Amino acid sequence: MESARLLKTFLETAATRDKVSASHISIYAALVHFFEKAHGANPFPVTRRELMRVSHIRSITTYHKCMRELVAFGYIRYLPSYHPKLGSLVYFVDMKS
């Protein structure tokens, strides 16, 4: 899976959904950034703090809502860590396009 294809496919499908907001797009783009930093590993680790910083999401509530909805929409799988030092794992779901 390459990051350009991930982002292109996400944006194409998100454009057809009324429920996808700018916050979802921002978090997804930040996830692609961390995917690249992990050299394309799937799953890849992320921390809420870093993901919020890169996506410019300031509200923890918005962050959790968007992550939950990205899972519900079928874009990602998210395995939260709950450990303060360990990152959560995110899997990109392969959306063929």
PDB file of N, CA and C in Angstrom:
ATOM      1  N   MET A   1       0.849  -1.171   0.000  1.00  0.00           N
ATOM      2  CA  MET A   1       0.000   0.000   0.000  1.00  0.00           C
ATOM      3  C   MET A   1       0.894   1.234   0.000  1.00  0.00           C
ATOM      4  N   GLU A   2       0.700   2.121  -0.902  1.00  0.00           N
ATOM      5  CA  GLU A   2       1.495   3.337  -0.910  1.00  0.00           C
ATOM      6  C   GLU A   2       0.651   4.505  -0.411  1.00  0.00           C
ATOM      7  N   SER A   3       1.311   5.465   0.193  1.00  0.00           N
ATOM      8  CA  SER A   3       0.599   6.559   0.850  1.00  0.00           C
ATOM      9  C   SER A   3      -0.204   7.421  -0.118  1.00  0.00           C
ATOM     10  N   ALA A   4       0.314   7.665  -1.310  1.00  0.00           N
ATOM     11  CA  ALA A   4      -0.425   8.483  -2.275  1.00  0.00           C
ATOM     12  C   ALA A   4      -1.736   7.809  -2.666  1.00  0.00           C
ATOM     13  N   ARG A   5      -1.689   6.494  -2.857  1.00  0.00           N
ATOM     14  CA  ARG A   5      -2.912   5.768  -3.224  1.00  0.00           C
ATOM     15  C   ARG A   5      -3.891   5.752  -2.050  1.00  0.00           C
ATOM     16  N   LEU A   6      -3.382   5.588  -0.828  1.00  0.00           N
ATOM     17  CA  LEU A   6      -4.241   5.626   0.351  1.00  0.00           C
ATOM     18  C   LEU A   6      -5.000   6.946   0.431  1.00  0.00           C
ATOM     19  N   LEU A   7      -4.268   8.035   0.309  1.00  0.00           N
ATOM     20  CA  LEU A   7      -4.884   9.352   0.426  1.00  0.00           C
ATOM     21  C   LEU A   7      -5.846   9.624  -0.721  1.00  0.00           C
ATOM     22  N   LYS A   8      -5.464   9.257  -1.937  1.00  0.00           N
ATOM     23  CA  LYS A   8      -6.329   9.459  -3.108  1.00  0.00           C
ATOM     24  C   LYS A   8      -7.639   8.693  -2.956  1.00  0.00           C
ATOM     25  N   THR A   9      -7.543   7.431  -2.582  1.00  0.00           N
ATOM     26  CA  THR A   9      -8.734   6.602  -2.418  1.00  0.00           C
ATOM     27  C   THR A   9      -9.620   7.132  -1.296  1.00  0.00           C
ATOM     28  N   PHE A  10      -8.997   7.525  -0.191  1.00  0.00           N
ATOM     29  CA  PHE A  10      -9.772   8.079   0.920  1.00  0.00           C
ATOM     30  C   PHE A  10     -10.518   9.333   0.491  1.00  0.00           C
ATOM     31  N   LEU A  11      -9.830  10.251  -0.162  1.00  0.00           N
ATOM     32  CA  LEU A  11     -10.474  11.502  -0.565  1.00  0.00           C
ATOM     33  C   LEU A  11     -11.598  11.272  -1.574  1.00  0.00           C
ATOM     34  N   GLU A  12     -11.403  10.319  -2.485  1.00  0.00           N
ATOM     35  CA  GLU A  12     -12.454  10.005  -3.461  1.00  0.00           C
ATOM     36  C   GLU A  12     -13.701   9.446  -2.771  1.00  0.00           C
ATOM     37  N   THR A  13     -13.510   8.542  -1.820  1.00  0.00           N
ATOM     38  CA  THR A  13     -14.677   7.974  -1.140  1.00  0.00           C
ATOM     39  C   THR A  13     -15.272   8.953  -0.130  1.00  0.00           C
ATOM     40  N   ALA A  14     -14.430   9.737   0.520  1.00  0.00           N
ATOM     41  CA  ALA A  14     -14.926  10.713   1.497  1.00  0.00           C
ATOM     42  C   ALA A  14     -15.777  11.791   0.825  1.00  0.00           C
ATOM     43  N   ALA A  15     -15.463  12.120  -0.423  1.00  0.00           N
ATOM     44  CA  ALA A  15     -16.226  13.144  -1.142  1.00  0.00           C
ATOM     45  C   ALA A  15     -17.671  12.720  -1.374  1.00  0.00           C
ATOM     46  N   THR A  16     -17.938  11.427  -1.332  1.00  0.00           N
ATOM     47  CA  THR A  16     -19.294  10.931  -1.567  1.00  0.00           C
ATOM     48  C   THR A  16     -20.077  10.742  -0.269  1.00  0.00           C
ATOM     49  N   ARG A  17     -19.447  10.983   0.865  1.00  0.00           N
ATOM     50  CA  ARG A  17     -20.099  10.782   2.159  1.00  0.00           C
ATOM     51  C   ARG A  17     -20.324  12.118   2.846  1.00  0.00           C
ATOM     52  N   ASP A  18     -21.543  12.355   3.262  1.00  0.00           N
ATOM     53  CA  ASP A  18     -21.866  13.599   3.967  1.00  0.00           C
ATOM     54  C   ASP A  18     -21.281  13.648   5.372  1.00  0.00           C
ATOM     55  N   LYS A  19     -21.046  12.495   5.968  1.00  0.00           N
ATOM     56  CA  LYS A  19     -20.601  12.433   7.361  1.00  0.00           C
ATOM     57  C   LYS A  19     -19.108  12.679   7.548  1.00  0.00           C
ATOM     58  N   VAL A  20     -18.326  12.693   6.495  1.00  0.00           N
ATOM     59  CA  VAL A  20     -16.882  12.895   6.617  1.00  0.00           C
ATOM     60  C   VAL A  20     -16.601  14.400   6.651  1.00  0.00           C
ATOM     61  N   SER A  21     -15.973  14.832   7.743  1.00  0.00           N
ATOM     62  CA  SER A  21     -15.715  16.258   7.942  1.00  0.00           C
ATOM     63  C   SER A  21     -14.239  16.583   7.710  1.00  0.00           C
ATOM     64  N   ALA A  22     -13.921  17.851   7.817  1.00  0.00           N
ATOM     65  CA  ALA A  22     -12.538  18.293   7.692  1.00  0.00           C
ATOM     66  C   ALA A  22     -11.670  17.681   8.790  1.00  0.00           C
ATOM     67  N   SER A  23     -12.232  17.452   9.956  1.00  0.00           N
ATOM     68  CA  SER A  23     -11.475  16.823  11.048  1.00  0.00           C
ATOM     69  C   SER A  23     -11.100  15.391  10.696  1.00  0.00           C
ATOM     70  N   HIS A  24     -12.014  14.654  10.074  1.00  0.00           N
ATOM     71  CA  HIS A  24     -11.709  13.288   9.633  1.00  0.00           C
ATOM     72  C   HIS A  24     -10.569  13.310   8.610  1.00  0.00           C
ATOM     73  N   ILE A  25     -10.660  14.224   7.674  1.00  0.00           N
ATOM     74  CA  ILE A  25      -9.649  14.326   6.618  1.00  0.00           C
ATOM     75  C   ILE A  25      -8.292  14.684   7.226  1.00  0.00           C
ATOM     76  N   SER A  26      -8.289  15.590   8.183  1.00  0.00           N
ATOM     77  CA  SER A  26      -7.052  16.006   8.827  1.00  0.00           C
ATOM     78  C   SER A  26      -6.410  14.847   9.586  1.00  0.00           C
ATOM     79  N   ILE A  27      -7.203  14.098  10.324  1.00  0.00           N
ATOM     80  CA  ILE A  27      -6.653  12.962  11.064  1.00  0.00           C
ATOM     81  C   ILE A  27      -6.171  11.889  10.100  1.00  0.00           C
ATOM     82  N   TYR A  28      -6.923  11.624   9.037  1.00  0.00           N
ATOM     83  CA  TYR A  28      -6.509  10.600   8.081  1.00  0.00           C
ATOM     84  C   TYR A  28      -5.188  11.005   7.421  1.00  0.00           C
ATOM     85  N   ALA A  29      -5.051  12.272   7.054  1.00  0.00           N
ATOM     86  CA  ALA A  29      -3.799  12.745   6.451  1.00  0.00           C
ATOM     87  C   ALA A  29      -2.639  12.597   7.439  1.00  0.00           C
ATOM     88  N   ALA A  30      -2.893  12.880   8.718  1.00  0.00           N
ATOM     89  CA  ALA A  30      -1.857  12.702   9.736  1.00  0.00           C
ATOM     90  C   ALA A  30      -1.504  11.221   9.889  1.00  0.00           C
ATOM     91  N   LEU A  31      -2.495  10.354   9.793  1.00  0.00           N
ATOM     92  CA  LEU A  31      -2.225   8.915   9.850  1.00  0.00           C
ATOM     93  C   LEU A  31      -1.350   8.477   8.686  1.00  0.00           C
ATOM     94  N   VAL A  32      -1.597   9.025   7.505  1.00  0.00           N
ATOM     95  CA  VAL A  32      -0.757   8.711   6.344  1.00  0.00           C
ATOM     96  C   VAL A  32       0.680   9.164   6.612  1.00  0.00           C
ATOM     97  N   HIS A  33       0.833  10.311   7.243  1.00  0.00           N
ATOM     98  CA  HIS A  33       2.165  10.812   7.611  1.00  0.00           C
ATOM     99  C   HIS A  33       2.893   9.807   8.510  1.00  0.00           C
ATOM    100  N   PHE A  34       2.207   9.303   9.542  1.00  0.00           N
ATOM    101  CA  PHE A  34       2.829   8.344  10.451  1.00  0.00           C
ATOM    102  C   PHE A  34       3.069   6.996   9.776  1.00  0.00           C
ATOM    103  N   PHE A  35       2.220   6.625   8.843  1.00  0.00           N
ATOM    104  CA  PHE A  35       2.407   5.419   8.040  1.00  0.00           C
ATOM    105  C   PHE A  35       3.708   5.527   7.254  1.00  0.00           C
ATOM    106  N   GLU A  36       3.946   6.693   6.660  1.00  0.00           N
ATOM    107  CA  GLU A  36       5.193   6.949   5.922  1.00  0.00           C
ATOM    108  C   GLU A  36       6.401   6.897   6.853  1.00  0.00           C
ATOM    109  N   LYS A  37       6.282   7.504   8.038  1.00  0.00           N
ATOM    110  CA  LYS A  37       7.385   7.487   9.000  1.00  0.00           C
ATOM    111  C   LYS A  37       7.713   6.069   9.444  1.00  0.00           C
ATOM    112  N   ALA A  38       6.715   5.174   9.418  1.00  0.00           N
ATOM    113  CA  ALA A  38       6.916   3.773   9.803  1.00  0.00           C
ATOM    114  C   ALA A  38       7.334   2.932   8.597  1.00  0.00           C
ATOM    115  N   HIS A  39       7.709   3.601   7.506  1.00  0.00           N
ATOM    116  CA  HIS A  39       8.179   2.936   6.287  1.00  0.00           C
ATOM    117  C   HIS A  39       7.146   1.970   5.706  1.00  0.00           C
ATOM    118  N   GLY A  40       5.875   2.376   5.795  1.00  0.00           N
ATOM    119  CA  GLY A  40       4.803   1.585   5.188  1.00  0.00           C
ATOM    120  C   GLY A  40       4.386   0.359   5.976  1.00  0.00           C
ATOM    121  N   ALA A  41       4.782   0.284   7.241  1.00  0.00           N
ATOM    122  CA  ALA A  41       4.372  -0.851   8.071  1.00  0.00           C
ATOM    123  C   ALA A  41       2.873  -0.761   8.348  1.00  0.00           C
ATOM    124  N   ASN A  42       2.212  -1.895   8.288  1.00  0.00           N
ATOM    125  CA  ASN A  42       0.783  -1.933   8.561  1.00  0.00           C
ATOM    126  C   ASN A  42       0.533  -3.129   9.467  1.00  0.00           C
ATOM    127  N   PRO A  43       0.374  -2.952  10.784  1.00  0.00           N
ATOM    128  CA  PRO A  43       0.009  -1.723  11.472  1.00  0.00           C
ATOM    129  C   PRO A  43       1.224  -0.849  11.782  1.00  0.00           C
ATOM    130  N   PHE A  44       0.918   0.373  12.203  1.00  0.00           N
ATOM    131  CA  PHE A  44       1.960   1.309  12.599  1.00  0.00           C
ATOM    132  C   PHE A  44       1.535   1.978  13.902  1.00  0.00           C
ATOM    133  N   PRO A  45       2.504   2.358  14.731  1.00  0.00           N
ATOM    134  CA  PRO A  45       2.167   2.956  16.028  1.00  0.00           C
ATOM    135  C   PRO A  45       1.914   4.463  15.919  1.00  0.00           C
ATOM    136  N   VAL A  46       0.977   4.934  16.722  1.00  0.00           N
ATOM    137  CA  VAL A  46       0.711   6.372  16.850  1.00  0.00           C
ATOM    138  C   VAL A  46       0.389   6.670  18.309  1.00  0.00           C
ATOM    139  N   THR A  47       0.656   7.899  18.706  1.00  0.00           N
ATOM    140  CA  THR A  47       0.192   8.349  20.015  1.00  0.00           C
ATOM    141  C   THR A  47      -0.843   9.444  19.790  1.00  0.00           C
ATOM    142  N   ARG A  48      -1.782   9.512  20.694  1.00  0.00           N
ATOM    143  CA  ARG A  48      -2.838  10.524  20.572  1.00  0.00           C
ATOM    144  C   ARG A  48      -2.233  11.920  20.526  1.00  0.00           C
ATOM    145  N   ARG A  49      -1.279  12.171  21.380  1.00  0.00           N
ATOM    146  CA  ARG A  49      -0.676  13.503  21.458  1.00  0.00           C
ATOM    147  C   ARG A  49      -0.057  13.923  20.119  1.00  0.00           C
ATOM    148  N   GLU A  50       0.745  13.033  19.536  1.00  0.00           N
ATOM    149  CA  GLU A  50       1.393  13.351  18.257  1.00  0.00           C
ATOM    150  C   GLU A  50       0.380  13.448  17.113  1.00  0.00           C
ATOM    151  N   LEU A  51      -0.599  12.555  17.119  1.00  0.00           N
ATOM    152  CA  LEU A  51      -1.615  12.586  16.069  1.00  0.00           C
ATOM    153  C   LEU A  51      -2.436  13.869  16.149  1.00  0.00           C
ATOM    154  N   MET A  52      -2.772  14.293  17.348  1.00  0.00           N
ATOM    155  CA  MET A  52      -3.506  15.549  17.515  1.00  0.00           C
ATOM    156  C   MET A  52      -2.645  16.740  17.090  1.00  0.00           C
ATOM    157  N   ARG A  53      -1.355  16.697  17.413  1.00  0.00           N
ATOM    158  CA  ARG A  53      -0.464  17.798  17.049  1.00  0.00           C
ATOM    159  C   ARG A  53      -0.363  17.931  15.529  1.00  0.00           C
ATOM    160  N   VAL A  54      -0.126  16.819  14.843  1.00  0.00           N
ATOM    161  CA  VAL A  54       0.055  16.854  13.388  1.00  0.00           C
ATOM    162  C   VAL A  54      -1.245  17.208  12.674  1.00  0.00           C
ATOM    163  N   SER A  55      -2.377  16.719  13.182  1.00  0.00           N
ATOM    164  CA  SER A  55      -3.661  16.968  12.514  1.00  0.00           C
ATOM    165  C   SER A  55      -4.300  18.300  12.917  1.00  0.00           C
ATOM    166  N   HIS A  56      -3.710  18.980  13.878  1.00  0.00           N
ATOM    167  CA  HIS A  56      -4.233  20.253  14.394  1.00  0.00           C
ATOM    168  C   HIS A  56      -5.622  20.095  15.010  1.00  0.00           C
ATOM    169  N   ILE A  57      -5.875  18.936  15.583  1.00  0.00           N
ATOM    170  CA  ILE A  57      -7.106  18.711  16.335  1.00  0.00           C
ATOM    171  C   ILE A  57      -6.793  19.071  17.782  1.00  0.00           C
ATOM    172  N   ARG A  58      -7.555  19.980  18.347  1.00  0.00           N
ATOM    173  CA  ARG A  58      -7.263  20.469  19.695  1.00  0.00           C
ATOM    174  C   ARG A  58      -8.111  19.792  20.772  1.00  0.00           C
ATOM    175  N   SER A  59      -9.234  19.226  20.398  1.00  0.00           N
ATOM    176  CA  SER A  59     -10.146  18.641  21.366  1.00  0.00           C
ATOM    177  C   SER A  59      -9.974  17.124  21.422  1.00  0.00           C
ATOM    178  N   ILE A  60      -9.769  16.602  22.630  1.00  0.00           N
ATOM    179  CA  ILE A  60      -9.661  15.155  22.800  1.00  0.00           C
ATOM    180  C   ILE A  60     -10.977  14.489  22.402  1.00  0.00           C
ATOM    181  N   THR A  61     -12.086  15.140  22.697  1.00  0.00           N
ATOM    182  CA  THR A  61     -13.397  14.608  22.325  1.00  0.00           C
ATOM    183  C   THR A  61     -13.512  14.478  20.809  1.00  0.00           C
ATOM    184  N   THR A  62     -13.104  15.501  20.083  1.00  0.00           N
ATOM    185  CA  THR A  62     -13.145  15.456  18.616  1.00  0.00           C
ATOM    186  C   THR A  62     -12.227  14.363  18.093  1.00  0.00           C
ATOM    187  N   TYR A  63     -11.052  14.251  18.673  1.00  0.00           N
ATOM    188  CA  TYR A  63     -10.110  13.210  18.266  1.00  0.00           C
ATOM    189  C   TYR A  63     -10.747  11.822  18.393  1.00  0.00           C
ATOM    190  N   HIS A  64     -11.289  11.527  19.573  1.00  0.00           N
ATOM    191  CA  HIS A  64     -11.874  10.203  19.805  1.00  0.00           C
ATOM    192  C   HIS A  64     -13.090   9.965  18.915  1.00  0.00           C
ATOM    193  N   LYS A  65     -13.894  10.975  18.713  1.00  0.00           N
ATOM    194  CA  LYS A  65     -15.068  10.846  17.841  1.00  0.00           C
ATOM    195  C   LYS A  65     -14.633  10.531  16.415  1.00  0.00           C
ATOM    196  N   CYS A  66     -13.661  11.257  15.909  1.00  0.00           N
ATOM    197  CA  CYS A  66     -13.199  11.047  14.534  1.00  0.00           C
ATOM    198  C   CYS A  66     -12.545   9.680  14.369  1.00  0.00           C
ATOM    199  N   MET A  67     -11.736   9.267  15.325  1.00  0.00           N
ATOM    200  CA  MET A  67     -11.107   7.951  15.235  1.00  0.00           C
ATOM    201  C   MET A  67     -12.171   6.854  15.250  1.00  0.00           C
ATOM    202  N   ARG A  68     -13.148   6.983  16.149  1.00  0.00           N
ATOM    203  CA  ARG A  68     -14.234   5.999  16.225  1.00  0.00           C
ATOM    204  C   ARG A  68     -15.013   5.947  14.906  1.00  0.00           C
ATOM    205  N   GLU A  69     -15.270   7.106  14.311  1.00  0.00           N
ATOM    206  CA  GLU A  69     -16.018   7.146  13.057  1.00  0.00           C
ATOM    207  C   GLU A  69     -15.184   6.645  11.872  1.00  0.00           C
ATOM    208  N   LEU A  70     -13.893   6.918  11.858  1.00  0.00           N
ATOM    209  CA  LEU A  70     -13.040   6.371  10.789  1.00  0.00           C
ATOM    210  C   LEU A  70     -13.050   4.846  10.825  1.00  0.00           C
ATOM    211  N   VAL A  71     -13.109   4.278  12.032  1.00  0.00           N
ATOM    212  CA  VAL A  71     -13.230   2.827  12.174  1.00  0.00           C
ATOM    213  C   VAL A  71     -14.603   2.381  11.663  1.00  0.00           C
ATOM    214  N   ALA A  72     -15.656   3.063  12.108  1.00  0.00           N
ATOM    215  CA  ALA A  72     -17.023   2.699  11.710  1.00  0.00           C
ATOM    216  C   ALA A  72     -17.232   2.825  10.202  1.00  0.00           C
ATOM    217  N   PHE A  73     -16.595   3.809   9.575  1.00  0.00           N
ATOM    218  CA  PHE A  73     -16.727   4.006   8.127  1.00  0.00           C
ATOM    219  C   PHE A  73     -15.905   2.988   7.339  1.00  0.00           C
ATOM    220  N   GLY A  74     -15.044   2.236   8.027  1.00  0.00           N
ATOM    221  CA  GLY A  74     -14.262   1.196   7.369  1.00  0.00           C
ATOM    222  C   GLY A  74     -12.947   1.655   6.769  1.00  0.00           C
ATOM    223  N   TYR A  75     -12.431   2.804   7.202  1.00  0.00           N
ATOM    224  CA  TYR A  75     -11.164   3.311   6.672  1.00  0.00           C
ATOM    225  C   TYR A  75      -9.949   2.750   7.402  1.00  0.00           C
ATOM    226  N   ILE A  76     -10.097   2.538   8.729  1.00  0.00           N
ATOM    227  CA  ILE A  76      -8.971   2.067   9.542  1.00  0.00           C
ATOM    228  C   ILE A  76      -9.451   1.029  10.553  1.00  0.00           C
ATOM    229  N   ARG A  77      -8.487   0.287  11.106  1.00  0.00           N
ATOM    230  CA  ARG A  77      -8.669  -0.492  12.328  1.00  0.00           C
ATOM    231  C   ARG A  77      -7.786   0.178  13.371  1.00  0.00           C
ATOM    232  N   TYR A  78      -8.306   0.338  14.575  1.00  0.00           N
ATOM    233  CA  TYR A  78      -7.595   1.071  15.619  1.00  0.00           C
ATOM    234  C   TYR A  78      -7.559   0.216  16.877  1.00  0.00           C
ATOM    235  N   LEU A  79      -6.356  -0.063  17.354  1.00  0.00           N
ATOM    236  CA  LEU A  79      -6.176  -0.833  18.585  1.00  0.00           C
ATOM    237  C   LEU A  79      -5.528   0.071  19.628  1.00  0.00           C
ATOM    238  N   PRO A  80      -6.341   0.677  20.503  1.00  0.00           N
ATOM    239  CA  PRO A  80      -5.787   1.596  21.496  1.00  0.00           C
ATOM    240  C   PRO A  80      -4.887   0.884  22.499  1.00  0.00           C
ATOM    241  N   SER A  81      -3.886   1.587  22.987  1.00  0.00           N
ATOM    242  CA  SER A  81      -2.903   1.009  23.888  1.00  0.00           C
ATOM    243  C   SER A  81      -3.287   1.179  25.363  1.00  0.00           C
ATOM    244  N   TYR A  82      -3.747   2.332  25.751  1.00  0.00           N
ATOM    245  CA  TYR A  82      -4.051   2.696  27.139  1.00  0.00           C
ATOM    246  C   TYR A  82      -2.799   2.821  28.005  1.00  0.00           C
ATOM    247  N   HIS A  83      -1.635   2.563  27.445  1.00  0.00           N
ATOM    248  CA  HIS A  83      -0.382   2.722  28.185  1.00  0.00           C
ATOM    249  C   HIS A  83       0.169   4.103  27.840  1.00  0.00           C
ATOM    250  N   PRO A  84       0.568   4.889  28.852  1.00  0.00           N
ATOM    251  CA  PRO A  84       0.992   6.266  28.572  1.00  0.00           C
ATOM    252  C   PRO A  84       2.230   6.388  27.671  1.00  0.00           C
ATOM    253  N   LYS A  85       3.086   5.386  27.652  1.00  0.00           N
ATOM    254  CA  LYS A  85       4.305   5.480  26.846  1.00  0.00           C
ATOM    255  C   LYS A  85       4.223   4.727  25.515  1.00  0.00           C
ATOM    256  N   LEU A  86       3.373   3.721  25.434  1.00  0.00           N
ATOM    257  CA  LEU A  86       3.266   2.931  24.209  1.00  0.00           C
ATOM    258  C   LEU A  86       2.228   3.542  23.271  1.00  0.00           C
ATOM    259  N   GLY A  87       2.508   3.488  22.002  1.00  0.00           N
ATOM    260  CA  GLY A  87       1.549   3.998  21.029  1.00  0.00           C
ATOM    261  C   GLY A  87       0.475   2.978  20.724  1.00  0.00           C
ATOM    262  N   SER A  88      -0.660   3.466  20.275  1.00  0.00           N
ATOM    263  CA  SER A  88      -1.729   2.607  19.791  1.00  0.00           C
ATOM    264  C   SER A  88      -1.352   2.139  18.396  1.00  0.00           C
ATOM    265  N   LEU A  89      -1.988   1.077  17.934  1.00  0.00           N
ATOM    266  CA  LEU A  89      -1.716   0.571  16.592  1.00  0.00           C
ATOM    267  C   LEU A  89      -2.864   0.912  15.661  1.00  0.00           C
ATOM    268  N   VAL A  90      -2.513   1.340  14.459  1.00  0.00           N
ATOM    269  CA  VAL A  90      -3.501   1.654  13.437  1.00  0.00           C
ATOM    270  C   VAL A  90      -3.185   0.806  12.214  1.00  0.00           C
ATOM    271  N   TYR A  91      -4.220   0.202  11.665  1.00  0.00           N
ATOM    272  CA  TYR A  91      -4.125  -0.544  10.411  1.00  0.00           C
ATOM    273  C   TYR A  91      -4.916   0.232   9.374  1.00  0.00           C
ATOM    274  N   PHE A  92      -4.369   0.422   8.189  1.00  0.00           N
ATOM    275  CA  PHE A  92      -5.161   0.956   7.092  1.00  0.00           C
ATOM    276  C   PHE A  92      -5.905  -0.198   6.453  1.00  0.00           C
ATOM    277  N   VAL A  93      -7.178  -0.012   6.203  1.00  0.00           N
ATOM    278  CA  VAL A  93      -7.979  -1.004   5.504  1.00  0.00           C
ATOM    279  C   VAL A  93      -7.780  -0.762   4.022  1.00  0.00           C
ATOM    280  N   ASP A  94      -7.488  -1.814   3.279  1.00  0.00           N
ATOM    281  CA  ASP A  94      -7.235  -1.684   1.846  1.00  0.00           C
ATOM    282  C   ASP A  94      -8.542  -1.434   1.111  1.00  0.00           C
ATOM    283  N   MET A  95      -8.710  -0.220   0.608  1.00  0.00           N
ATOM    284  CA  MET A  95      -9.875   0.154  -0.186  1.00  0.00           C
ATOM    285  C   MET A  95      -9.442   0.185  -1.635  1.00  0.00           C
ATOM    286  N   LYS A  96      -9.693  -0.845  -2.341  1.00  0.00           N
ATOM    287  CA  LYS A  96      -9.248  -0.930  -3.738  1.00  0.00           C
ATOM    288  C   LYS A  96      -9.933   0.140  -4.574  1.00  0.00           C
ATOM    289  N   SER A  97      -9.138   0.785  -5.419  1.00  0.00           N
ATOM    290  CA  SER A  97      -9.696   1.812  -6.300  1.00  0.00           C
ATOM    291  C   SER A  97      -8.980   1.780  -7.629  1.00  0.00           C
TER     292      SER A  97
END
